[in-house]
């Protein structure tokens, strides 16, 4: 399953509108097929792995990070039917699929065909990788990550608004990796007008994974390559699964006030700004209500900087 999870991570940000799933097929202790959801959502991970395995799939065990789909599509057969047709004897599933077209039906169909099913293997890891798809299914909107570069005293910019460069080169490279895993990167209109950032991926080998760019606010005057969102409702209606919010104190505060941030990334630099700019009002009425909202993950040190990640506790 660890190998399947690693494969699934390759398609995050590329497989939309489908989730990025990983599949590994094992026979007699040897991997005979592997695959992940391809760009645009097809072929599915199971189809890719089964094609690689060929006849060796008969009697094999398939490890999949998401319950095999049970619904037919004009773009291909269901993965449950494909696994049955290939003759696999066992399927190990990490996470159930909340899509009402599958939602248990995939595993039920496999069981009815006499295939041994084991589910709930490394579920939390699979769900973390499927966060965009799960948020879309459960909340009807994209999964939103808010990334902020902050000083030790919580400033995100100098008093005059300057913020380049608060963090070092390695932390900035990590930000580019986040972009490579997003469908859409957004910023506020004020930040766009002031900085005109490129918001592309500048990591060797990953330049082709630059996400779409969106600006929240007044749409007039934006380049044709930039998508304008008049408000947060329009942003939530976008078909993206993974959204990365990178710029603008106003946008960051609005997302937090609307409780739309699912993951918070703080790139903390070992500097003290003093009279710097902070987020401002996020609609917090009393301090007690702020506690328990965020689950801290293990921090990562990148040179002198530190990345602190938090998941919204819902």
Protein backbone atom coordinates (compact mmCIF):
# COMPACT_ATOMS: atom_id res chain seq x y z
CA UNK A 1 0.00 0.00 0.00
CA UNK A 2 2.91 2.33 0.63
CA UNK A 3 3.94 1.97 -3.00
CA UNK A 4 0.36 2.64 -4.14
CA UNK A 5 0.21 5.79 -1.99
CA UNK A 6 3.48 7.02 -3.50
CA UNK A 7 2.12 6.41 -7.00
CA UNK A 8 -1.10 8.27 -6.17
CA UNK A 9 0.88 11.36 -5.13
CA UNK A 10 2.21 11.73 -8.67
CA UNK A 11 -1.17 12.66 -10.09
CA UNK A 12 -2.29 15.19 -7.48
CA UNK A 13 -3.04 18.42 -9.34
CA UNK A 14 -3.16 16.66 -12.72
CA UNK A 15 -5.97 14.09 -12.48
CA UNK A 16 -8.84 16.57 -11.98
CA UNK A 17 -11.80 16.08 -12.25
CA UNK A 18 -11.00 12.59 -10.93
CA UNK A 19 -9.10 11.79 -7.75
CA UNK A 20 -5.49 10.72 -8.08
CA UNK A 21 -5.43 7.04 -7.15
CA UNK A 22 -2.54 4.58 -6.95
CA UNK A 23 -2.71 0.86 -7.71
CA UNK A 24 -0.12 -1.89 -7.29
CA UNK A 25 -0.74 -5.49 -8.37
CA UNK A 26 1.27 -8.19 -6.60
CA UNK A 27 1.59 -11.88 -7.46
CA UNK A 28 3.79 -14.40 -5.68
CA UNK A 29 5.49 -11.62 -3.74
CA UNK A 30 6.42 -9.66 -6.88
CA UNK A 31 4.93 -6.46 -8.28
CA UNK A 32 3.56 -7.25 -11.74
CA UNK A 33 1.66 -4.02 -12.39
CA UNK A 34 1.51 -0.48 -11.12
CA UNK A 35 -0.27 2.69 -12.11
CA UNK A 36 -1.79 5.98 -11.05
CA UNK A 37 -4.59 8.12 -12.43
CA UNK A 38 -3.34 9.90 -15.52
CA UNK A 39 -3.66 13.56 -16.47
CA UNK A 40 -7.27 14.59 -17.01
CA UNK A 41 -8.55 11.65 -14.98
CA UNK A 42 -8.11 8.77 -17.42
CA UNK A 43 -6.93 6.05 -17.59
CA UNK A 44 -7.68 5.16 -13.98
CA UNK A 45 -4.95 3.69 -11.79
CA UNK A 46 -6.42 0.18 -11.93
CA UNK A 47 -6.63 0.22 -15.74
CA UNK A 48 -2.99 1.27 -16.04
CA UNK A 49 -1.79 -1.35 -13.54
CA UNK A 50 -3.88 -4.14 -15.11
CA UNK A 51 -2.58 -3.30 -18.58
CA UNK A 52 0.96 -3.58 -17.30
CA UNK A 53 0.26 -6.84 -15.45
CA UNK A 54 -1.50 -8.55 -18.35
CA UNK A 55 -2.19 -12.24 -17.73
CA UNK A 56 -0.19 -12.08 -14.49
CA UNK A 57 -3.14 -10.27 -12.87
CA UNK A 58 -5.08 -13.55 -12.65
CA UNK A 59 -4.98 -14.74 -9.04
CA UNK A 60 -3.04 -11.63 -7.96
CA UNK A 61 -3.70 -9.09 -5.20
CA UNK A 62 -4.46 -5.48 -6.11
CA UNK A 63 -3.66 -2.69 -3.65
CA UNK A 64 -5.64 0.49 -4.35
CA UNK A 65 -5.71 3.77 -2.45
CA UNK A 66 -9.42 4.40 -3.18
CA UNK A 67 -12.32 1.99 -3.50
CA UNK A 68 -12.56 0.87 -7.16
CA UNK A 69 -15.32 2.75 -8.97
CA UNK A 70 -18.54 0.88 -9.66
CA UNK A 71 -20.16 3.09 -12.30
CA UNK A 72 -19.86 2.83 -16.05
CA UNK A 73 -18.58 5.83 -17.98
CA UNK A 74 -18.42 6.79 -21.67
CA UNK A 75 -14.66 7.03 -21.07
CA UNK A 76 -14.28 3.40 -19.95
CA UNK A 77 -15.55 0.51 -17.84
CA UNK A 78 -15.74 0.61 -14.06
CA UNK A 79 -12.60 -0.39 -12.21
CA UNK A 80 -14.52 -2.99 -10.20
CA UNK A 81 -15.56 -4.70 -13.44
CA UNK A 82 -12.02 -4.47 -14.83
CA UNK A 83 -10.56 -6.12 -11.72
CA UNK A 84 -13.14 -8.90 -11.92
CA UNK A 85 -12.49 -9.45 -15.63
CA UNK A 86 -8.75 -9.68 -14.97
CA UNK A 87 -9.30 -12.43 -12.41
CA UNK A 88 -7.66 -10.89 -9.36
CA UNK A 89 -8.27 -12.91 -6.20
CA UNK A 90 -7.87 -10.19 -3.59
CA UNK A 91 -8.23 -6.41 -3.39
CA UNK A 92 -6.83 -4.28 -0.54
CA UNK A 93 -8.43 -0.83 -0.25
CA UNK A 94 -7.14 2.16 1.70
CA UNK A 95 -10.12 4.55 1.63
CA UNK A 96 -13.81 4.22 0.78
CA UNK A 97 -15.19 6.30 -2.08
CA UNK A 98 -17.91 8.78 -0.97
CA UNK A 99 -19.06 9.34 -4.57
CA UNK A 100 -22.73 8.20 -4.50
CA UNK A 101 -22.15 6.30 -7.75
CA UNK A 102 -19.73 4.02 -5.88
CA UNK A 103 -19.88 4.55 -2.08
CA UNK A 104 -19.46 0.90 -1.06
CA UNK A 105 -20.86 -0.55 -4.29
CA UNK A 106 -17.37 -1.13 -5.69
CA UNK A 107 -16.32 -3.35 -2.80
CA UNK A 108 -19.73 -5.00 -2.68
CA UNK A 109 -19.51 -5.95 -6.35
CA UNK A 110 -16.05 -7.43 -5.88
CA UNK A 111 -17.19 -9.44 -2.85
CA UNK A 112 -20.19 -10.76 -4.76
CA UNK A 113 -17.78 -12.03 -7.42
CA UNK A 114 -15.91 -14.05 -4.76
CA UNK A 115 -12.95 -11.67 -4.48
CA UNK A 116 -11.45 -11.29 -1.01
CA UNK A 117 -11.64 -7.67 0.20
CA UNK A 118 -9.55 -6.00 2.90
CA UNK A 119 -10.34 -2.34 3.57
CA UNK A 120 -9.12 0.43 5.89
CA UNK A 121 -5.40 -0.06 5.28
CA UNK A 122 -3.47 3.20 5.82
CA UNK A 123 -6.71 5.12 5.45
CA UNK A 124 -5.53 8.40 6.98
CA UNK A 125 -2.60 8.65 4.55
CA UNK A 126 -4.85 7.89 1.59
CA UNK A 127 -7.42 10.47 2.68
CA UNK A 128 -4.70 13.12 3.02
CA UNK A 129 -3.69 12.52 -0.60
CA UNK A 130 -7.34 12.52 -1.68
CA UNK A 131 -8.17 15.71 0.23
CA UNK A 132 -9.25 17.65 -2.86
CA UNK A 133 -11.58 14.94 -4.09
CA UNK A 134 -13.02 14.28 -0.64
CA UNK A 135 -13.66 17.98 0.01
CA UNK A 136 -15.41 18.28 -3.35
CA UNK A 137 -17.60 15.27 -2.56
CA UNK A 138 -18.38 16.23 1.03
CA UNK A 139 -18.50 20.05 0.86
CA UNK A 140 -19.12 20.80 -2.79
CA UNK A 141 -16.03 22.99 -3.15
CA UNK A 142 -12.26 22.70 -3.66
CA UNK A 143 -9.83 21.87 -0.89
CA UNK A 144 -8.07 25.15 -0.05
CA UNK A 145 -4.53 25.49 1.29
CA UNK A 146 -3.48 28.90 2.56
CA UNK A 147 0.27 29.46 2.43
CA UNK A 148 1.75 32.38 4.38
CA UNK A 149 5.37 33.43 4.82
CA UNK A 150 5.64 34.90 8.32
CA UNK A 151 8.29 36.27 10.66
CA UNK A 152 8.88 35.09 14.21
CA UNK A 153 6.57 37.84 15.43
CA UNK A 154 3.80 36.98 12.97
CA UNK A 155 4.34 39.69 10.35
CA UNK A 156 3.70 38.77 6.73
CA UNK A 157 5.18 41.97 5.29
CA UNK A 158 7.00 45.16 6.20
CA UNK A 159 4.91 48.13 7.28
CA UNK A 160 5.00 49.44 3.69
CA UNK A 161 3.81 46.09 2.32
CA UNK A 162 7.12 44.71 1.05
CA UNK A 163 7.54 40.95 1.62
CA UNK A 164 10.27 39.80 -0.79
CA UNK A 165 12.08 37.82 0.40
CA UNK A 166 10.96 36.92 3.89
CA UNK A 167 12.01 33.27 3.61
CA UNK A 168 15.03 31.64 2.04
CA UNK A 169 15.60 29.76 -1.20
CA UNK A 170 14.75 26.29 0.14
CA UNK A 171 11.44 27.42 1.59
CA UNK A 172 10.59 29.12 -1.71
CA UNK A 173 11.36 25.85 -3.53
CA UNK A 174 8.89 24.10 -1.23
CA UNK A 175 6.29 26.68 -2.23
CA UNK A 176 6.89 25.79 -5.89
CA UNK A 177 6.33 22.13 -5.05
CA UNK A 178 2.98 23.09 -3.50
CA UNK A 179 2.06 24.85 -6.73
CA UNK A 180 2.91 21.70 -8.70
CA UNK A 181 0.31 19.80 -6.65
CA UNK A 182 -2.46 22.40 -7.10
CA UNK A 183 -5.04 22.78 -9.86
CA UNK A 184 -5.39 26.49 -9.21
CA UNK A 185 -3.26 29.08 -7.42
CA UNK A 186 -5.03 32.26 -6.30
CA UNK A 187 -4.22 35.70 -4.95
CA UNK A 188 -6.09 38.91 -4.23
CA UNK A 189 -6.53 41.66 -6.80
CA UNK A 190 -4.46 44.11 -4.77
CA UNK A 191 -1.49 41.76 -4.69
CA UNK A 192 -1.87 41.07 -8.40
CA UNK A 193 -1.84 44.77 -9.27
CA UNK A 194 1.12 45.48 -6.99
CA UNK A 195 3.37 42.52 -7.78
CA UNK A 196 2.17 40.76 -10.96
CA UNK A 197 3.73 37.51 -9.70
CA UNK A 198 4.41 34.67 -12.16
CA UNK A 199 2.96 31.96 -9.87
CA UNK A 200 4.47 29.23 -12.05
CA UNK A 201 6.54 26.20 -11.09
CA UNK A 202 10.27 26.79 -11.46
CA UNK A 203 11.61 23.43 -10.31
CA UNK A 204 13.65 21.36 -12.75
CA UNK A 205 11.47 18.72 -14.35
CA UNK A 206 8.21 20.12 -12.98
CA UNK A 207 7.80 23.27 -15.06
CA UNK A 208 4.94 21.67 -17.00
CA UNK A 209 2.93 21.34 -13.79
CA UNK A 210 2.32 25.07 -13.35
CA UNK A 211 -1.32 25.48 -12.21
CA UNK A 212 -3.99 27.80 -13.50
CA UNK A 213 -3.86 31.31 -12.01
CA UNK A 214 -6.85 32.97 -10.43
CA UNK A 215 -7.40 36.43 -8.97
CA UNK A 216 -10.16 37.06 -6.45
CA UNK A 217 -11.71 40.51 -6.74
CA UNK A 218 -12.30 42.94 -9.59
CA UNK A 219 -11.90 41.02 -12.86
CA UNK A 220 -11.56 44.00 -15.23
CA UNK A 221 -8.15 44.29 -16.88
CA UNK A 222 -6.86 40.80 -16.12
CA UNK A 223 -4.87 38.97 -18.82
CA UNK A 224 -6.73 36.28 -20.76
CA UNK A 225 -4.55 33.64 -19.08
CA UNK A 226 -5.73 34.66 -15.60
CA UNK A 227 -9.14 33.60 -14.32
CA UNK A 228 -11.08 36.24 -12.41
CA UNK A 229 -13.29 35.35 -9.44
CA UNK A 230 -15.54 38.20 -8.30
CA UNK A 231 -16.00 36.64 -4.86
CA UNK A 232 -15.39 33.53 -2.77
CA UNK A 233 -18.65 31.93 -3.91
CA UNK A 234 -17.37 31.98 -7.48
CA UNK A 235 -14.08 30.50 -6.31
CA UNK A 236 -15.87 27.64 -4.54
CA UNK A 237 -17.80 26.88 -7.73
CA UNK A 238 -14.59 26.36 -9.72
CA UNK A 239 -14.07 22.70 -10.73
CA UNK A 240 -10.57 22.58 -9.23
CA UNK A 241 -9.93 19.99 -6.53
CA UNK A 242 -6.83 21.59 -5.01
CA UNK A 243 -6.55 25.36 -4.59
CA UNK A 244 -3.45 27.09 -3.23
CA UNK A 245 -3.93 30.63 -1.88
CA UNK A 246 -0.61 32.43 -1.99
CA UNK A 247 -0.98 36.16 -1.90
CA UNK A 248 -2.80 39.02 -0.27
CA UNK A 249 -3.55 39.85 3.34
CA UNK A 250 -7.14 40.69 2.44
CA UNK A 251 -7.70 37.40 0.63
CA UNK A 252 -6.10 35.39 3.45
CA UNK A 253 -8.27 37.13 6.05
CA UNK A 254 -11.40 36.62 3.95
CA UNK A 255 -10.72 32.90 3.50
CA UNK A 256 -10.16 32.45 7.22
CA UNK A 257 -13.21 34.51 8.15
CA UNK A 258 -15.35 32.38 5.82
CA UNK A 259 -13.84 29.20 7.30
CA UNK A 260 -12.75 28.02 3.86
CA UNK A 261 -9.15 27.15 4.75
CA UNK A 262 -8.67 23.40 5.08
CA UNK A 263 -4.89 23.42 5.40
CA UNK A 264 -2.65 26.19 6.65
CA UNK A 265 1.05 26.38 5.75
CA UNK A 266 3.23 28.82 7.65
CA UNK A 267 6.70 29.33 6.18
CA UNK A 268 8.31 30.89 9.24
CA UNK A 269 11.55 32.84 8.85
CA UNK A 270 13.91 33.48 11.81
CA UNK A 271 13.53 37.26 11.59
CA UNK A 272 11.69 39.85 13.68
CA UNK A 273 9.97 42.58 11.71
CA UNK A 274 8.49 44.69 14.49
CA UNK A 275 6.09 47.19 12.97
CA UNK A 276 5.04 44.87 10.18
CA UNK A 277 1.73 43.98 8.59
CA UNK A 278 -0.41 41.13 9.91
CA UNK A 279 -3.62 39.53 8.64
CA UNK A 280 -6.02 41.87 10.34
CA UNK A 281 -9.62 41.05 11.21
CA UNK A 282 -10.76 37.48 10.52
CA UNK A 283 -14.06 37.79 12.35
CA UNK A 284 -12.89 36.30 15.65
CA UNK A 285 -15.32 37.41 18.37
CA UNK A 286 -13.56 35.85 21.37
CA UNK A 287 -10.26 34.08 21.95
CA UNK A 288 -11.82 30.92 23.36
CA UNK A 289 -13.48 30.16 20.02
CA UNK A 290 -10.07 30.09 18.32
CA UNK A 291 -8.86 27.08 20.31
CA UNK A 292 -9.19 23.57 18.91
CA UNK A 293 -9.70 24.69 15.32
CA UNK A 294 -6.32 23.57 14.00
CA UNK A 295 -4.41 20.28 14.24
CA UNK A 296 -0.66 20.74 14.04
CA UNK A 297 1.43 18.40 11.91
CA UNK A 298 5.14 17.75 12.41
CA UNK A 299 7.15 20.84 11.38
CA UNK A 300 9.83 20.66 8.70
CA UNK A 301 13.13 22.56 8.84
CA UNK A 302 14.38 23.89 5.51
CA UNK A 303 17.68 25.60 6.10
CA UNK A 304 17.09 28.39 8.59
CA UNK A 305 13.36 28.47 7.86
CA UNK A 306 10.65 26.24 9.28
CA UNK A 307 7.43 25.02 7.66
CA UNK A 308 4.55 24.56 10.06
CA UNK A 309 1.45 22.79 8.69
CA UNK A 310 -2.00 22.76 10.27
CA UNK A 311 -5.19 20.90 9.28
CA UNK A 312 -8.60 22.40 10.00
CA UNK A 313 -10.31 20.35 12.69
CA UNK A 314 -13.86 19.89 11.34
